[in-house]
Amino acid sequence: MDNENNRSNSFASKAKDYYQLIKFTLSFTVVFSCVVCYLLAPNVKEFDWYMIAILFLAGMLVTGSANAINQAVEKDTDAVMKRTGSRPVAAGRMSQNEAYTFAVIAGLVGVGMMWYFFNLSSALLSAFSLFLYAFIYTPLKKINSIAVLVGALPGALPCLIGWVAGNDDFSMGGWIYFGIQFLWQFPHFWAIAWVAHEDYSKAGFKLLPADKGPTKFTAIQGIMYSVLMIPVGLLPYYFGYTGFVSAVVVMICNVFMVVQSIRLYQQMDVKSARRVMFSSYIYLPIVLLALLADKIK
């Protein structure tokens, strides 16, 4: 009986470690945007739950692979930060080799599924996104704050991947949704970097646009990108991909993000940065679901 309990506890512990290794919540958010943009593609006429499940699984494997490589590479820096010290590789519960082995298998299977079930273009985009995140963005974080710009590319590519998987082309809609998610990441990620600035600095990460940390310049940059989100957010309506209702919802969400970014500039404190961060968390699902609801009504 004790052996069974030990095995059960060991399995639960290992499952929890892999849950952390793939950064499940982050991966889910990424794959969610991919699935929504797949459903927004004009060639996808109905909800095929089997294909949606396949896309979700493939996306989780590719994203989980990138996150596993990220944690294996940043084992030592994760260990010195409060928010990441308990990750399995950083805490020593999982070896780097195990993380890399999982990453290779998950990445190959995920990309292979995109090719087999969808098309070669979406598979190549998935592989490119994995490469950018794991091998360019990850090491660049310690070199220059341009890492945020580089990281925004694989962060937004899931939208284009979903569109290409559904439409098998690189038409305007995919690039518009890519642009929305690309711009959203700047106020989102800089707010996170503002809140966790002390932790990031301890690890040697350079993620804020100003060398001196949270400054007026950083806040202005957040406002600029939030403002840019307004015209880009109207493009799906302008090009006829969605209707008036979704355009109104997207406009309200974009104005809300601008207001929160301005408040950060005015107050210059962690509380305001946390407000921007949480606003950005709710912004993306609301916008994507509004765009999707307009298509399926």
C-alpha atoms as a PDB file:
ATOM      1  CA  MET A   1       0.000   0.000   0.000  1.00  0.00           C
ATOM      2  CA  ASP A   2       2.832   2.387   0.910  1.00  0.00           C
ATOM      3  CA  ASN A   3       4.565   1.616  -2.386  1.00  0.00           C
ATOM      4  CA  GLU A   4       1.379   2.451  -4.301  1.00  0.00           C
ATOM      5  CA  ASN A   5       1.033   5.735  -2.412  1.00  0.00           C
ATOM      6  CA  ASN A   6       4.675   6.556  -3.089  1.00  0.00           C
ATOM      7  CA  ARG A   7       4.235   5.824  -6.789  1.00  0.00           C
ATOM      8  CA  SER A   8       1.075   7.933  -6.860  1.00  0.00           C
ATOM      9  CA  ASN A   9       2.813  10.838  -5.114  1.00  0.00           C
ATOM     10  CA  SER A  10       5.816  10.489  -7.397  1.00  0.00           C
ATOM     11  CA  PHE A  11       3.594  10.578 -10.510  1.00  0.00           C
ATOM     12  CA  ALA A  12       1.670  13.614  -9.211  1.00  0.00           C
ATOM     13  CA  SER A  13       4.933  15.383  -8.409  1.00  0.00           C
ATOM     14  CA  LYS A  14       6.368  14.650 -11.869  1.00  0.00           C
ATOM     15  CA  ALA A  15       3.143  15.794 -13.563  1.00  0.00           C
ATOM     16  CA  LYS A  16       3.301  19.038 -11.587  1.00  0.00           C
ATOM     17  CA  ASP A  17       6.910  19.538 -12.687  1.00  0.00           C
ATOM     18  CA  TYR A  18       5.994  19.136 -16.362  1.00  0.00           C
ATOM     19  CA  TYR A  19       3.041  21.483 -15.830  1.00  0.00           C
ATOM     20  CA  GLN A  20       5.559  24.093 -14.670  1.00  0.00           C
ATOM     21  CA  LEU A  21       8.108  23.179 -17.344  1.00  0.00           C
ATOM     22  CA  ILE A  22       5.741  23.992 -20.192  1.00  0.00           C
ATOM     23  CA  LYS A  23       4.403  27.086 -18.335  1.00  0.00           C
ATOM     24  CA  PHE A  24       0.882  25.771 -18.851  1.00  0.00           C
ATOM     25  CA  THR A  25      -0.995  29.039 -18.253  1.00  0.00           C
ATOM     26  CA  LEU A  26       1.228  30.978 -20.646  1.00  0.00           C
ATOM     27  CA  SER A  27       1.130  28.171 -23.218  1.00  0.00           C
ATOM     28  CA  PHE A  28      -2.662  27.979 -22.960  1.00  0.00           C
ATOM     29  CA  THR A  29      -2.955  31.725 -23.658  1.00  0.00           C
ATOM     30  CA  VAL A  30      -0.667  31.425 -26.681  1.00  0.00           C
ATOM     31  CA  VAL A  31      -2.524  28.428 -28.097  1.00  0.00           C
ATOM     32  CA  PHE A  32      -5.887  30.061 -27.404  1.00  0.00           C
ATOM     33  CA  SER A  33      -4.984  32.935 -29.748  1.00  0.00           C
ATOM     34  CA  CYS A  34      -3.822  30.418 -32.351  1.00  0.00           C
ATOM     35  CA  VAL A  35      -7.098  28.478 -32.204  1.00  0.00           C
ATOM     36  CA  VAL A  36      -9.245  31.631 -32.375  1.00  0.00           C
ATOM     37  CA  CYS A  37      -7.355  32.923 -35.412  1.00  0.00           C
ATOM     38  CA  TYR A  38      -7.723  29.499 -37.039  1.00  0.00           C
ATOM     39  CA  LEU A  39     -11.489  29.766 -36.550  1.00  0.00           C
ATOM     40  CA  LEU A  40     -11.455  33.336 -37.904  1.00  0.00           C
ATOM     41  CA  ALA A  41      -9.915  32.148 -41.192  1.00  0.00           C
ATOM     42  CA  PRO A  42     -12.550  32.412 -43.993  1.00  0.00           C
ATOM     43  CA  ASN A  43     -11.890  28.861 -45.218  1.00  0.00           C
ATOM     44  CA  VAL A  44     -12.872  27.443 -41.827  1.00  0.00           C
ATOM     45  CA  LYS A  45     -16.642  27.294 -42.212  1.00  0.00           C
ATOM     46  CA  GLU A  46     -17.612  25.335 -39.113  1.00  0.00           C
ATOM     47  CA  PHE A  47     -16.396  24.286 -35.682  1.00  0.00           C
ATOM     48  CA  ASP A  48     -14.746  20.921 -36.175  1.00  0.00           C
ATOM     49  CA  TRP A  49     -13.945  19.990 -32.574  1.00  0.00           C
ATOM     50  CA  TYR A  50     -11.604  17.205 -33.646  1.00  0.00           C
ATOM     51  CA  MET A  51      -9.426  19.603 -35.663  1.00  0.00           C
ATOM     52  CA  ILE A  52      -9.609  22.206 -32.910  1.00  0.00           C
ATOM     53  CA  ALA A  53      -8.360  19.606 -30.414  1.00  0.00           C
ATOM     54  CA  ILE A  54      -5.549  18.595 -32.779  1.00  0.00           C
ATOM     55  CA  LEU A  55      -4.497  22.229 -33.236  1.00  0.00           C
ATOM     56  CA  PHE A  56      -4.630  22.816 -29.494  1.00  0.00           C
ATOM     57  CA  LEU A  57      -2.477  19.760 -28.759  1.00  0.00           C
ATOM     58  CA  ALA A  58       0.057  20.585 -31.485  1.00  0.00           C
ATOM     59  CA  GLY A  59       0.248  24.167 -30.265  1.00  0.00           C
ATOM     60  CA  MET A  60       0.775  23.094 -26.656  1.00  0.00           C
ATOM     61  CA  LEU A  61       3.587  20.748 -27.724  1.00  0.00           C
ATOM     62  CA  VAL A  62       5.408  23.421 -29.755  1.00  0.00           C
ATOM     63  CA  THR A  63       4.934  26.121 -27.105  1.00  0.00           C
ATOM     64  CA  GLY A  64       5.817  23.700 -24.314  1.00  0.00           C
ATOM     65  CA  SER A  65       8.993  22.766 -26.183  1.00  0.00           C
ATOM     66  CA  ALA A  66      10.058  26.418 -26.411  1.00  0.00           C
ATOM     67  CA  ASN A  67       9.330  26.979 -22.718  1.00  0.00           C
ATOM     68  CA  ALA A  68      11.238  23.834 -21.719  1.00  0.00           C
ATOM     69  CA  ILE A  69      14.325  25.035 -23.617  1.00  0.00           C
ATOM     70  CA  ASN A  70      13.929  28.454 -22.021  1.00  0.00           C
ATOM     71  CA  GLN A  71      13.945  26.931 -18.522  1.00  0.00           C
ATOM     72  CA  ALA A  72      16.862  24.616 -19.258  1.00  0.00           C
ATOM     73  CA  VAL A  73      18.961  27.512 -20.585  1.00  0.00           C
ATOM     74  CA  GLU A  74      17.970  29.853 -17.733  1.00  0.00           C
ATOM     75  CA  LYS A  75      18.394  27.291 -14.960  1.00  0.00           C
ATOM     76  CA  ASP A  76      20.878  29.400 -12.988  1.00  0.00           C
ATOM     77  CA  THR A  77      19.111  32.738 -13.448  1.00  0.00           C
ATOM     78  CA  ASP A  78      15.721  31.222 -12.577  1.00  0.00           C
ATOM     79  CA  ALA A  79      17.256  29.913  -9.357  1.00  0.00           C
ATOM     80  CA  VAL A  80      18.110  33.411  -8.082  1.00  0.00           C
ATOM     81  CA  MET A  81      14.684  34.919  -8.763  1.00  0.00           C
ATOM     82  CA  LYS A  82      11.836  34.646  -6.261  1.00  0.00           C
ATOM     83  CA  ARG A  83       9.122  34.137  -8.897  1.00  0.00           C
ATOM     84  CA  THR A  84      10.998  31.405 -10.809  1.00  0.00           C
ATOM     85  CA  GLY A  85      13.123  29.698  -8.158  1.00  0.00           C
ATOM     86  CA  SER A  86      10.647  26.845  -7.733  1.00  0.00           C
ATOM     87  CA  ARG A  87      10.685  25.829 -11.408  1.00  0.00           C
ATOM     88  CA  PRO A  88      11.704  22.160 -11.784  1.00  0.00           C
ATOM     89  CA  VAL A  89      15.063  22.634 -13.541  1.00  0.00           C
ATOM     90  CA  ALA A  90      16.055  25.662 -11.425  1.00  0.00           C
ATOM     91  CA  ALA A  91      15.130  23.827  -8.207  1.00  0.00           C
ATOM     92  CA  GLY A  92      17.031  20.688  -9.241  1.00  0.00           C
ATOM     93  CA  ARG A  93      13.987  18.408  -9.392  1.00  0.00           C
ATOM     94  CA  MET A  94      14.576  17.891 -13.119  1.00  0.00           C
ATOM     95  CA  SER A  95      17.869  17.707 -15.025  1.00  0.00           C
ATOM     96  CA  GLN A  96      18.667  19.912 -17.992  1.00  0.00           C
ATOM     97  CA  ASN A  97      18.983  16.781 -20.139  1.00  0.00           C
ATOM     98  CA  GLU A  98      15.453  15.700 -19.229  1.00  0.00           C
ATOM     99  CA  ALA A  99      14.115  19.146 -20.109  1.00  0.00           C
ATOM    100  CA  TYR A 100      15.999  19.168 -23.434  1.00  0.00           C
ATOM    101  CA  THR A 101      14.828  15.630 -24.243  1.00  0.00           C
ATOM    102  CA  PHE A 102      11.216  16.614 -23.641  1.00  0.00           C
ATOM    103  CA  ALA A 103      11.695  19.781 -25.707  1.00  0.00           C
ATOM    104  CA  VAL A 104      13.085  17.894 -28.724  1.00  0.00           C
ATOM    105  CA  ILE A 105      10.345  15.240 -28.668  1.00  0.00           C
ATOM    106  CA  ALA A 106       7.512  17.730 -28.052  1.00  0.00           C
ATOM    107  CA  GLY A 107       8.811  20.146 -30.683  1.00  0.00           C
ATOM    108  CA  LEU A 108       9.185  17.500 -33.378  1.00  0.00           C
ATOM    109  CA  VAL A 109       5.785  15.931 -32.664  1.00  0.00           C
ATOM    110  CA  GLY A 110       4.040  19.326 -32.518  1.00  0.00           C
ATOM    111  CA  VAL A 111       5.562  20.598 -35.778  1.00  0.00           C
ATOM    112  CA  GLY A 112       4.896  17.218 -37.403  1.00  0.00           C
ATOM    113  CA  MET A 113       1.238  17.388 -36.386  1.00  0.00           C
ATOM    114  CA  MET A 114       0.906  20.872 -37.898  1.00  0.00           C
ATOM    115  CA  TRP A 115       2.282  19.546 -41.179  1.00  0.00           C
ATOM    116  CA  TYR A 116       0.266  16.310 -41.253  1.00  0.00           C
ATOM    117  CA  PHE A 117      -3.117  17.670 -40.133  1.00  0.00           C
ATOM    118  CA  PHE A 118      -2.925  21.200 -41.568  1.00  0.00           C
ATOM    119  CA  ASN A 119      -0.230  22.324 -44.008  1.00  0.00           C
ATOM    120  CA  LEU A 120       3.507  22.760 -44.474  1.00  0.00           C
ATOM    121  CA  SER A 121       3.358  26.551 -44.134  1.00  0.00           C
ATOM    122  CA  SER A 122       1.869  26.406 -40.630  1.00  0.00           C
ATOM    123  CA  ALA A 123       4.423  23.745 -39.641  1.00  0.00           C
ATOM    124  CA  LEU A 124       7.345  25.883 -40.837  1.00  0.00           C
ATOM    125  CA  LEU A 125       5.943  28.930 -39.047  1.00  0.00           C
ATOM    126  CA  SER A 126       5.613  26.875 -35.861  1.00  0.00           C
ATOM    127  CA  ALA A 127       9.229  25.712 -36.116  1.00  0.00           C
ATOM    128  CA  PHE A 128      10.393  29.278 -36.813  1.00  0.00           C
ATOM    129  CA  SER A 129       8.471  30.598 -33.798  1.00  0.00           C
ATOM    130  CA  LEU A 130      10.011  27.930 -31.549  1.00  0.00           C
ATOM    131  CA  PHE A 131      13.500  28.775 -32.831  1.00  0.00           C
ATOM    132  CA  LEU A 132      13.039  32.530 -32.337  1.00  0.00           C
ATOM    133  CA  TYR A 133      11.800  32.161 -28.767  1.00  0.00           C
ATOM    134  CA  ALA A 134      14.207  29.490 -27.559  1.00  0.00           C
ATOM    135  CA  PHE A 135      17.444  30.416 -29.341  1.00  0.00           C
ATOM    136  CA  ILE A 136      17.238  34.157 -30.092  1.00  0.00           C
ATOM    137  CA  TYR A 137      14.938  35.800 -27.545  1.00  0.00           C
ATOM    138  CA  THR A 138      16.034  33.708 -24.547  1.00  0.00           C
ATOM    139  CA  PRO A 139      19.790  34.516 -24.664  1.00  0.00           C
ATOM    140  CA  LEU A 140      19.129  38.100 -25.843  1.00  0.00           C
ATOM    141  CA  LYS A 141      17.345  38.995 -22.603  1.00  0.00           C
ATOM    142  CA  LYS A 142      20.697  39.396 -20.853  1.00  0.00           C
ATOM    143  CA  ILE A 143      22.248  41.440 -23.636  1.00  0.00           C
ATOM    144  CA  ASN A 144      19.844  44.186 -24.664  1.00  0.00           C
ATOM    145  CA  SER A 145      16.265  45.335 -24.088  1.00  0.00           C
ATOM    146  CA  ILE A 146      15.615  44.822 -27.811  1.00  0.00           C
ATOM    147  CA  ALA A 147      14.880  41.267 -26.625  1.00  0.00           C
ATOM    148  CA  VAL A 148      11.306  42.437 -25.945  1.00  0.00           C
ATOM    149  CA  LEU A 149      10.900  43.413 -29.615  1.00  0.00           C
ATOM    150  CA  VAL A 150      12.384  40.099 -30.743  1.00  0.00           C
ATOM    151  CA  GLY A 151      10.263  38.146 -28.254  1.00  0.00           C
ATOM    152  CA  ALA A 152       7.103  39.875 -29.483  1.00  0.00           C
ATOM    153  CA  LEU A 153       7.535  38.113 -32.848  1.00  0.00           C
ATOM    154  CA  PRO A 154       7.132  34.508 -31.595  1.00  0.00           C
ATOM    155  CA  GLY A 155       4.579  35.905 -29.147  1.00  0.00           C
ATOM    156  CA  ALA A 156       2.400  37.108 -32.040  1.00  0.00           C
ATOM    157  CA  LEU A 157       3.144  34.359 -34.568  1.00  0.00           C
ATOM    158  CA  PRO A 158       0.490  31.991 -33.098  1.00  0.00           C
ATOM    159  CA  CYS A 159      -2.165  34.283 -34.617  1.00  0.00           C
ATOM    160  CA  LEU A 160      -0.584  33.975 -38.046  1.00  0.00           C
ATOM    161  CA  ILE A 161       0.013  30.234 -37.556  1.00  0.00           C
ATOM    162  CA  GLY A 162      -3.675  29.690 -36.751  1.00  0.00           C
ATOM    163  CA  TRP A 163      -4.769  31.713 -39.784  1.00  0.00           C
ATOM    164  CA  VAL A 164      -2.372  29.879 -42.112  1.00  0.00           C
ATOM    165  CA  ALA A 165      -3.448  26.509 -40.674  1.00  0.00           C
ATOM    166  CA  GLY A 166      -7.056  27.347 -41.515  1.00  0.00           C
ATOM    167  CA  ASN A 167      -6.650  29.260 -44.769  1.00  0.00           C
ATOM    168  CA  ASP A 168      -3.396  27.829 -46.150  1.00  0.00           C
ATOM    169  CA  ASP A 169      -2.241  31.301 -47.220  1.00  0.00           C
ATOM    170  CA  PHE A 170      -0.607  34.445 -45.849  1.00  0.00           C
ATOM    171  CA  SER A 171      -3.493  36.805 -46.647  1.00  0.00           C
ATOM    172  CA  MET A 172      -4.187  40.120 -44.926  1.00  0.00           C
ATOM    173  CA  GLY A 173      -6.314  38.796 -42.056  1.00  0.00           C
ATOM    174  CA  GLY A 174      -3.521  36.720 -40.576  1.00  0.00           C
ATOM    175  CA  TRP A 175      -1.152  39.691 -40.572  1.00  0.00           C
ATOM    176  CA  ILE A 176      -3.772  41.948 -38.980  1.00  0.00           C
ATOM    177  CA  TYR A 177      -4.318  39.555 -36.071  1.00  0.00           C
ATOM    178  CA  PHE A 178      -0.545  39.123 -35.832  1.00  0.00           C
ATOM    179  CA  GLY A 179      -0.246  42.924 -35.578  1.00  0.00           C
ATOM    180  CA  ILE A 180      -2.871  43.187 -32.824  1.00  0.00           C
ATOM    181  CA  GLN A 181      -1.102  40.617 -30.648  1.00  0.00           C
ATOM    182  CA  PHE A 182       2.341  41.994 -31.530  1.00  0.00           C
ATOM    183  CA  LEU A 183       1.517  45.523 -30.291  1.00  0.00           C
ATOM    184  CA  TRP A 184      -0.367  44.231 -27.229  1.00  0.00           C
ATOM    185  CA  GLN A 185       2.782  42.576 -25.907  1.00  0.00           C
ATOM    186  CA  PHE A 186       4.708  45.814 -25.292  1.00  0.00           C
ATOM    187  CA  PRO A 187       2.497  47.409 -22.605  1.00  0.00           C
ATOM    188  CA  HIS A 188       1.797  43.896 -21.304  1.00  0.00           C
ATOM    189  CA  PHE A 189       5.397  42.773 -20.964  1.00  0.00           C
ATOM    190  CA  TRP A 190       6.819  46.120 -19.819  1.00  0.00           C
ATOM    191  CA  ALA A 191       4.206  46.197 -17.052  1.00  0.00           C
ATOM    192  CA  ILE A 192       5.381  42.740 -15.926  1.00  0.00           C
ATOM    193  CA  ALA A 193       9.028  43.858 -16.125  1.00  0.00           C
ATOM    194  CA  TRP A 194       8.153  46.990 -14.101  1.00  0.00           C
ATOM    195  CA  VAL A 195       6.481  44.960 -11.339  1.00  0.00           C
ATOM    196  CA  ALA A 196       9.300  42.372 -11.265  1.00  0.00           C
ATOM    197  CA  HIS A 197      12.138  44.831 -11.956  1.00  0.00           C
ATOM    198  CA  GLU A 198      14.118  43.976  -8.827  1.00  0.00           C
ATOM    199  CA  ASP A 199      13.929  40.252  -9.544  1.00  0.00           C
ATOM    200  CA  TYR A 200      14.854  40.668 -13.212  1.00  0.00           C
ATOM    201  CA  SER A 201      17.773  42.978 -12.382  1.00  0.00           C
ATOM    202  CA  LYS A 202      19.125  40.434  -9.910  1.00  0.00           C
ATOM    203  CA  ALA A 203      19.185  37.861 -12.718  1.00  0.00           C
ATOM    204  CA  GLY A 204      20.834  40.275 -15.163  1.00  0.00           C
ATOM    205  CA  PHE A 205      17.844  40.617 -17.513  1.00  0.00           C
ATOM    206  CA  LYS A 206      17.541  43.834 -19.523  1.00  0.00           C
ATOM    207  CA  LEU A 207      13.874  44.063 -20.406  1.00  0.00           C
ATOM    208  CA  LEU A 208      12.770  47.665 -19.863  1.00  0.00           C
ATOM    209  CA  PRO A 209      13.454  50.211 -22.653  1.00  0.00           C
ATOM    210  CA  ALA A 210      15.307  52.548 -20.261  1.00  0.00           C
ATOM    211  CA  ASP A 211      18.652  51.480 -18.744  1.00  0.00           C
ATOM    212  CA  LYS A 212      17.696  53.081 -15.425  1.00  0.00           C
ATOM    213  CA  GLY A 213      14.692  50.814 -14.977  1.00  0.00           C
ATOM    214  CA  PRO A 214      11.104  52.011 -14.474  1.00  0.00           C
ATOM    215  CA  THR A 215      11.184  55.597 -15.786  1.00  0.00           C
ATOM    216  CA  LYS A 216       8.931  58.116 -17.531  1.00  0.00           C
ATOM    217  CA  PHE A 217      10.485  56.968 -20.811  1.00  0.00           C
ATOM    218  CA  THR A 218       9.289  53.406 -20.181  1.00  0.00           C
ATOM    219  CA  ALA A 219       5.781  54.665 -19.359  1.00  0.00           C
ATOM    220  CA  ILE A 220       5.691  56.801 -22.538  1.00  0.00           C
ATOM    221  CA  GLN A 221       6.690  53.788 -24.615  1.00  0.00           C
ATOM    222  CA  GLY A 222       3.774  51.864 -23.121  1.00  0.00           C
ATOM    223  CA  ILE A 223       1.390  54.697 -24.046  1.00  0.00           C
ATOM    224  CA  MET A 224       2.729  54.821 -27.610  1.00  0.00           C
ATOM    225  CA  TYR A 225       2.134  51.139 -28.265  1.00  0.00           C
ATOM    226  CA  SER A 226      -1.276  51.254 -26.579  1.00  0.00           C
ATOM    227  CA  VAL A 227      -2.290  54.135 -28.873  1.00  0.00           C
ATOM    228  CA  LEU A 228      -1.044  52.221 -31.937  1.00  0.00           C
ATOM    229  CA  MET A 229      -3.355  49.366 -30.942  1.00  0.00           C
ATOM    230  CA  ILE A 230      -6.401  51.574 -31.686  1.00  0.00           C
ATOM    231  CA  PRO A 231      -6.050  51.891 -35.498  1.00  0.00           C
ATOM    232  CA  VAL A 232      -4.697  48.349 -35.873  1.00  0.00           C
ATOM    233  CA  GLY A 233      -7.641  47.035 -33.851  1.00  0.00           C
ATOM    234  CA  LEU A 234     -10.050  48.589 -36.366  1.00  0.00           C
ATOM    235  CA  LEU A 235      -8.459  46.883 -39.374  1.00  0.00           C
ATOM    236  CA  PRO A 236     -10.498  43.636 -39.119  1.00  0.00           C
ATOM    237  CA  TYR A 237     -13.657  45.750 -39.504  1.00  0.00           C
ATOM    238  CA  TYR A 238     -12.158  47.950 -42.227  1.00  0.00           C
ATOM    239  CA  PHE A 239     -11.222  44.931 -44.360  1.00  0.00           C
ATOM    240  CA  GLY A 240     -14.548  43.199 -43.724  1.00  0.00           C
ATOM    241  CA  TYR A 241     -13.315  40.298 -41.591  1.00  0.00           C
ATOM    242  CA  THR A 242     -15.621  41.155 -38.674  1.00  0.00           C
ATOM    243  CA  GLY A 243     -18.634  43.367 -37.997  1.00  0.00           C
ATOM    244  CA  PHE A 244     -19.476  46.615 -36.265  1.00  0.00           C
ATOM    245  CA  VAL A 245     -20.156  45.138 -32.820  1.00  0.00           C
ATOM    246  CA  SER A 246     -16.714  43.571 -32.533  1.00  0.00           C
ATOM    247  CA  ALA A 247     -15.143  46.833 -33.753  1.00  0.00           C
ATOM    248  CA  VAL A 248     -16.851  48.707 -30.908  1.00  0.00           C
ATOM    249  CA  VAL A 249     -15.729  46.127 -28.317  1.00  0.00           C
ATOM    250  CA  VAL A 250     -12.155  46.230 -29.615  1.00  0.00           C
ATOM    251  CA  MET A 251     -12.170  50.060 -29.587  1.00  0.00           C
ATOM    252  CA  ILE A 252     -13.396  50.159 -25.974  1.00  0.00           C
ATOM    253  CA  CYS A 253     -10.704  47.661 -24.932  1.00  0.00           C
ATOM    254  CA  ASN A 254      -7.990  49.635 -26.725  1.00  0.00           C
ATOM    255  CA  VAL A 255      -9.044  52.952 -25.169  1.00  0.00           C
ATOM    256  CA  PHE A 256      -9.088  51.226 -21.777  1.00  0.00           C
ATOM    257  CA  MET A 257      -5.478  50.082 -22.313  1.00  0.00           C
ATOM    258  CA  VAL A 258      -4.452  53.642 -23.263  1.00  0.00           C
ATOM    259  CA  VAL A 259      -6.085  55.018 -20.094  1.00  0.00           C
ATOM    260  CA  GLN A 260      -4.284  52.474 -17.895  1.00  0.00           C
ATOM    261  CA  SER A 261      -0.959  53.269 -19.588  1.00  0.00           C
ATOM    262  CA  ILE A 262      -1.500  57.006 -19.035  1.00  0.00           C
ATOM    263  CA  ARG A 263      -2.267  56.359 -15.374  1.00  0.00           C
ATOM    264  CA  LEU A 264       1.056  54.544 -15.091  1.00  0.00           C
ATOM    265  CA  TYR A 265       2.816  57.604 -16.563  1.00  0.00           C
ATOM    266  CA  GLN A 266       1.045  59.886 -14.089  1.00  0.00           C
ATOM    267  CA  GLN A 267       1.550  57.798 -10.959  1.00  0.00           C
ATOM    268  CA  MET A 268       4.805  55.965 -11.746  1.00  0.00           C
ATOM    269  CA  ASP A 269       4.335  53.182  -9.204  1.00  0.00           C
ATOM    270  CA  VAL A 270       4.124  49.403  -9.037  1.00  0.00           C
ATOM    271  CA  LYS A 271       0.397  49.527  -8.284  1.00  0.00           C
ATOM    272  CA  SER A 272      -0.277  51.299 -11.600  1.00  0.00           C
ATOM    273  CA  ALA A 273       2.046  48.914 -13.472  1.00  0.00           C
ATOM    274  CA  ARG A 274       0.154  45.991 -11.960  1.00  0.00           C
ATOM    275  CA  ARG A 275      -3.069  47.601 -13.211  1.00  0.00           C
ATOM    276  CA  VAL A 276      -1.689  47.704 -16.756  1.00  0.00           C
ATOM    277  CA  MET A 277      -0.539  44.100 -16.413  1.00  0.00           C
ATOM    278  CA  PHE A 278      -3.946  42.765 -15.299  1.00  0.00           C
ATOM    279  CA  SER A 279      -5.756  44.938 -17.857  1.00  0.00           C
ATOM    280  CA  SER A 280      -3.641  43.370 -20.595  1.00  0.00           C
ATOM    281  CA  TYR A 281      -4.468  39.884 -19.298  1.00  0.00           C
ATOM    282  CA  ILE A 282      -8.202  40.455 -19.763  1.00  0.00           C
ATOM    283  CA  TYR A 283      -7.787  42.510 -22.963  1.00  0.00           C
ATOM    284  CA  LEU A 284      -6.656  39.676 -25.223  1.00  0.00           C
ATOM    285  CA  PRO A 285      -9.392  37.074 -24.557  1.00  0.00           C
ATOM    286  CA  ILE A 286     -12.120  39.729 -24.724  1.00  0.00           C
ATOM    287  CA  VAL A 287     -10.853  41.095 -28.055  1.00  0.00           C
ATOM    288  CA  LEU A 288     -10.313  37.674 -29.634  1.00  0.00           C
ATOM    289  CA  LEU A 289     -13.678  36.331 -28.473  1.00  0.00           C
ATOM    290  CA  ALA A 290     -15.428  39.498 -29.690  1.00  0.00           C
ATOM    291  CA  LEU A 291     -13.878  39.059 -33.127  1.00  0.00           C
ATOM    292  CA  LEU A 292     -14.875  35.391 -33.167  1.00  0.00           C
ATOM    293  CA  ALA A 293     -18.415  36.031 -31.907  1.00  0.00           C
ATOM    294  CA  ASP A 294     -19.022  38.422 -34.775  1.00  0.00           C
ATOM    295  CA  LYS A 295     -18.128  35.675 -37.252  1.00  0.00           C
ATOM    296  CA  ILE A 296     -20.291  32.935 -35.781  1.00  0.00           C
ATOM    297  CA  LYS A 297     -23.412  34.902 -34.811  1.00  0.00           C
END
